[in-house]
Amino acid sequence: MRTVICPYCNRKPNEIPEYIEKANRLEMSPHEYVRMDEGTYHLQTDLFCCTDCYIKQGMPLNIHFVQAFMRYRAAVVQFEGR
């Protein structure tokens, strides 16, 4: 399984205090929390946009993230395949 990551800052949910705090309240891992409750999470790519990056990106619609996430994963897969 791929690692849940924000491709804009390259942080994982367990590196972001906001997700750690929310996950602890629900007695789950930050990764599980993002997969369950983060509105920008994309199942097919296992990527999400953290709140800080979402604001920096201008709070776009999710369709823009899906396109960016697909490009990000395609580039990573090509690089890993070499």
N, C-alpha and C. Protein backbone atom coordinates (compact mmCIF):
# COMPACT_ATOMS: atom_id res chain seq x y z
N MET A 1 0.84 -1.18 0.00
CA MET A 1 0.00 0.00 0.00
C MET A 1 0.89 1.25 0.00
N ARG A 2 0.48 2.23 -0.76
CA ARG A 2 1.23 3.48 -0.84
C ARG A 2 1.07 4.27 0.46
N THR A 3 1.98 5.17 0.67
CA THR A 3 1.94 6.04 1.83
C THR A 3 1.06 7.24 1.54
N VAL A 4 0.16 7.54 2.47
CA VAL A 4 -0.67 8.74 2.36
C VAL A 4 0.25 9.94 2.51
N ILE A 5 0.18 10.88 1.57
CA ILE A 5 1.08 12.03 1.60
C ILE A 5 0.42 13.23 0.94
N CYS A 6 0.80 14.40 1.40
CA CYS A 6 0.41 15.64 0.72
C CYS A 6 1.53 15.94 -0.28
N PRO A 7 1.26 15.86 -1.57
CA PRO A 7 2.32 16.05 -2.55
C PRO A 7 2.84 17.49 -2.66
N TYR A 8 2.15 18.42 -2.04
CA TYR A 8 2.57 19.82 -2.11
C TYR A 8 3.67 20.13 -1.09
N CYS A 9 3.60 19.50 0.09
CA CYS A 9 4.63 19.75 1.12
C CYS A 9 5.38 18.47 1.47
N ASN A 10 4.96 17.34 0.90
CA ASN A 10 5.58 16.03 1.13
C ASN A 10 5.51 15.57 2.58
N ARG A 11 4.49 16.06 3.30
CA ARG A 11 4.32 15.60 4.68
C ARG A 11 3.26 14.50 4.73
N LYS A 12 3.47 13.58 5.66
CA LYS A 12 2.51 12.51 5.93
C LYS A 12 1.59 12.97 7.05
N PRO A 13 0.41 12.38 7.17
CA PRO A 13 -0.51 12.79 8.23
C PRO A 13 0.09 12.73 9.63
N ASN A 14 0.97 11.75 9.88
CA ASN A 14 1.57 11.64 11.22
C ASN A 14 2.66 12.68 11.46
N GLU A 15 2.86 13.59 10.52
CA GLU A 15 3.81 14.70 10.67
C GLU A 15 3.07 16.04 10.79
N ILE A 16 1.75 16.01 10.80
CA ILE A 16 0.95 17.22 10.80
C ILE A 16 0.11 17.25 12.08
N PRO A 17 0.39 18.19 12.98
CA PRO A 17 -0.30 18.23 14.28
C PRO A 17 -1.83 18.19 14.19
N GLU A 18 -2.41 18.85 13.23
CA GLU A 18 -3.87 18.87 13.07
C GLU A 18 -4.43 17.46 12.94
N TYR A 19 -3.81 16.64 12.12
CA TYR A 19 -4.31 15.28 11.90
C TYR A 19 -3.98 14.36 13.06
N ILE A 20 -2.86 14.58 13.69
CA ILE A 20 -2.49 13.79 14.87
C ILE A 20 -3.51 14.00 15.97
N GLU A 21 -3.85 15.26 16.23
CA GLU A 21 -4.80 15.60 17.29
C GLU A 21 -6.18 15.00 17.00
N LYS A 22 -6.68 15.17 15.80
CA LYS A 22 -8.01 14.64 15.45
C LYS A 22 -8.02 13.12 15.51
N ALA A 23 -6.97 12.49 15.04
CA ALA A 23 -6.88 11.03 15.05
C ALA A 23 -6.83 10.50 16.49
N ASN A 24 -6.09 11.17 17.34
CA ASN A 24 -6.00 10.75 18.74
C ASN A 24 -7.37 10.79 19.42
N ARG A 25 -8.15 11.82 19.12
CA ARG A 25 -9.49 11.92 19.71
C ARG A 25 -10.38 10.76 19.29
N LEU A 26 -10.16 10.26 18.09
CA LEU A 26 -10.97 9.15 17.57
C LEU A 26 -10.30 7.79 17.75
N GLU A 27 -9.16 7.79 18.42
CA GLU A 27 -8.40 6.56 18.70
C GLU A 27 -8.07 5.78 17.42
N MET A 28 -7.48 6.50 16.48
CA MET A 28 -7.03 5.88 15.22
C MET A 28 -5.72 6.54 14.80
N SER A 29 -5.12 6.01 13.79
CA SER A 29 -3.87 6.60 13.30
C SER A 29 -4.19 7.84 12.45
N PRO A 30 -3.25 8.77 12.35
CA PRO A 30 -3.46 9.93 11.47
C PRO A 30 -3.72 9.52 10.02
N HIS A 31 -3.07 8.45 9.56
CA HIS A 31 -3.29 7.97 8.20
C HIS A 31 -4.74 7.49 8.03
N GLU A 32 -5.24 6.75 9.01
CA GLU A 32 -6.62 6.28 8.95
C GLU A 32 -7.59 7.46 8.98
N TYR A 33 -7.26 8.46 9.80
CA TYR A 33 -8.13 9.63 9.89
C TYR A 33 -8.24 10.34 8.54
N VAL A 34 -7.10 10.56 7.89
CA VAL A 34 -7.12 11.25 6.59
C VAL A 34 -7.92 10.44 5.59
N ARG A 35 -7.70 9.14 5.56
CA ARG A 35 -8.45 8.29 4.62
C ARG A 35 -9.95 8.33 4.89
N MET A 36 -10.33 8.50 6.15
CA MET A 36 -11.73 8.48 6.52
C MET A 36 -12.41 9.85 6.39
N ASP A 37 -11.69 10.93 6.74
CA ASP A 37 -12.40 12.20 6.93
C ASP A 37 -11.83 13.41 6.19
N GLU A 38 -10.72 13.29 5.52
CA GLU A 38 -10.15 14.44 4.81
C GLU A 38 -10.84 14.62 3.47
N GLY A 39 -11.43 15.78 3.27
CA GLY A 39 -12.20 16.05 2.05
C GLY A 39 -11.39 16.06 0.77
N THR A 40 -10.09 16.29 0.86
CA THR A 40 -9.26 16.31 -0.34
C THR A 40 -8.60 14.96 -0.61
N TYR A 41 -8.84 13.98 0.25
CA TYR A 41 -8.23 12.66 0.07
C TYR A 41 -8.76 12.01 -1.21
N HIS A 42 -7.86 11.39 -1.97
CA HIS A 42 -8.22 10.71 -3.21
C HIS A 42 -7.79 9.25 -3.09
N LEU A 43 -8.77 8.36 -3.06
CA LEU A 43 -8.54 6.94 -2.83
C LEU A 43 -7.62 6.30 -3.87
N GLN A 44 -7.83 6.60 -5.12
CA GLN A 44 -7.07 5.96 -6.19
C GLN A 44 -5.57 6.25 -6.10
N THR A 45 -5.21 7.46 -5.69
CA THR A 45 -3.79 7.83 -5.61
C THR A 45 -3.25 7.78 -4.19
N ASP A 46 -4.13 7.71 -3.19
CA ASP A 46 -3.75 7.73 -1.77
C ASP A 46 -3.04 9.04 -1.41
N LEU A 47 -3.49 10.13 -2.03
CA LEU A 47 -2.94 11.46 -1.76
C LEU A 47 -4.03 12.37 -1.19
N PHE A 48 -3.59 13.39 -0.48
CA PHE A 48 -4.51 14.39 0.05
C PHE A 48 -3.78 15.73 0.05
N CYS A 49 -4.51 16.79 0.26
CA CYS A 49 -3.90 18.10 0.38
C CYS A 49 -4.14 18.57 1.81
N CYS A 50 -3.06 18.79 2.56
CA CYS A 50 -3.21 19.23 3.94
C CYS A 50 -3.82 20.64 3.97
N THR A 51 -4.32 21.02 5.11
CA THR A 51 -5.01 22.30 5.24
C THR A 51 -4.12 23.48 4.84
N ASP A 52 -2.87 23.48 5.29
CA ASP A 52 -1.96 24.59 4.94
C ASP A 52 -1.78 24.70 3.43
N CYS A 53 -1.55 23.59 2.78
CA CYS A 53 -1.35 23.61 1.32
C CYS A 53 -2.65 23.92 0.59
N TYR A 54 -3.76 23.46 1.12
CA TYR A 54 -5.06 23.75 0.52
C TYR A 54 -5.29 25.26 0.47
N ILE A 55 -4.99 25.93 1.55
CA ILE A 55 -5.13 27.39 1.60
C ILE A 55 -4.14 28.05 0.65
N LYS A 56 -2.89 27.60 0.65
CA LYS A 56 -1.88 28.16 -0.25
C LYS A 56 -2.23 27.96 -1.72
N GLN A 57 -2.95 26.87 -2.02
CA GLN A 57 -3.35 26.59 -3.40
C GLN A 57 -4.58 27.40 -3.82
N GLY A 58 -5.15 28.16 -2.89
CA GLY A 58 -6.31 28.99 -3.21
C GLY A 58 -7.64 28.27 -3.02
N MET A 59 -7.64 27.18 -2.25
CA MET A 59 -8.83 26.40 -1.93
C MET A 59 -9.60 25.95 -3.19
N PRO A 60 -8.92 25.26 -4.10
CA PRO A 60 -9.56 24.82 -5.35
C PRO A 60 -10.56 23.68 -5.14
N LEU A 61 -11.35 23.43 -6.16
CA LEU A 61 -12.27 22.31 -6.14
C LEU A 61 -11.49 21.00 -6.19
N ASN A 62 -12.09 19.95 -5.69
CA ASN A 62 -11.40 18.65 -5.65
C ASN A 62 -11.01 18.13 -7.02
N ILE A 63 -11.73 18.47 -8.07
CA ILE A 63 -11.39 17.98 -9.41
C ILE A 63 -9.98 18.41 -9.81
N HIS A 64 -9.55 19.57 -9.36
CA HIS A 64 -8.20 20.04 -9.66
C HIS A 64 -7.16 19.19 -8.92
N PHE A 65 -7.50 18.78 -7.71
CA PHE A 65 -6.59 17.91 -6.97
C PHE A 65 -6.48 16.55 -7.63
N VAL A 66 -7.58 16.00 -8.07
CA VAL A 66 -7.56 14.69 -8.71
C VAL A 66 -6.63 14.70 -9.90
N GLN A 67 -6.72 15.71 -10.72
CA GLN A 67 -5.85 15.82 -11.89
C GLN A 67 -4.38 15.94 -11.46
N ALA A 68 -4.11 16.76 -10.47
CA ALA A 68 -2.74 16.94 -9.99
C ALA A 68 -2.22 15.67 -9.33
N PHE A 69 -3.07 14.99 -8.56
CA PHE A 69 -2.66 13.76 -7.88
C PHE A 69 -2.33 12.67 -8.89
N MET A 70 -3.12 12.57 -9.96
CA MET A 70 -2.86 11.57 -10.98
C MET A 70 -1.52 11.84 -11.67
N ARG A 71 -1.24 13.10 -11.96
CA ARG A 71 0.05 13.45 -12.56
C ARG A 71 1.19 13.14 -11.60
N TYR A 72 1.01 13.46 -10.32
CA TYR A 72 2.04 13.21 -9.30
C TYR A 72 2.36 11.72 -9.22
N ARG A 73 1.34 10.89 -9.10
CA ARG A 73 1.57 9.45 -8.98
C ARG A 73 2.17 8.89 -10.27
N ALA A 74 1.77 9.37 -11.40
CA ALA A 74 2.34 8.90 -12.67
C ALA A 74 3.83 9.19 -12.72
N ALA A 75 4.23 10.36 -12.27
CA ALA A 75 5.64 10.73 -12.26
C ALA A 75 6.42 9.88 -11.27
N VAL A 76 5.85 9.60 -10.12
CA VAL A 76 6.51 8.78 -9.10
C VAL A 76 6.65 7.35 -9.59
N VAL A 77 5.62 6.81 -10.19
CA VAL A 77 5.67 5.43 -10.67
C VAL A 77 6.73 5.31 -11.75
N GLN A 78 6.82 6.25 -12.67
CA GLN A 78 7.83 6.21 -13.71
C GLN A 78 9.23 6.26 -13.10
N PHE A 79 9.42 7.10 -12.11
CA PHE A 79 10.73 7.23 -11.48
C PHE A 79 11.09 5.94 -10.74
N GLU A 80 10.16 5.37 -10.01
CA GLU A 80 10.43 4.16 -9.25
C GLU A 80 10.69 2.97 -10.15
N GLY A 81 10.14 2.99 -11.36
CA GLY A 81 10.29 1.86 -12.27
C GLY A 81 11.66 1.75 -12.91
N ARG A 82 12.48 2.77 -12.77
CA ARG A 82 13.81 2.74 -13.41
C ARG A 82 14.80 1.95 -12.65
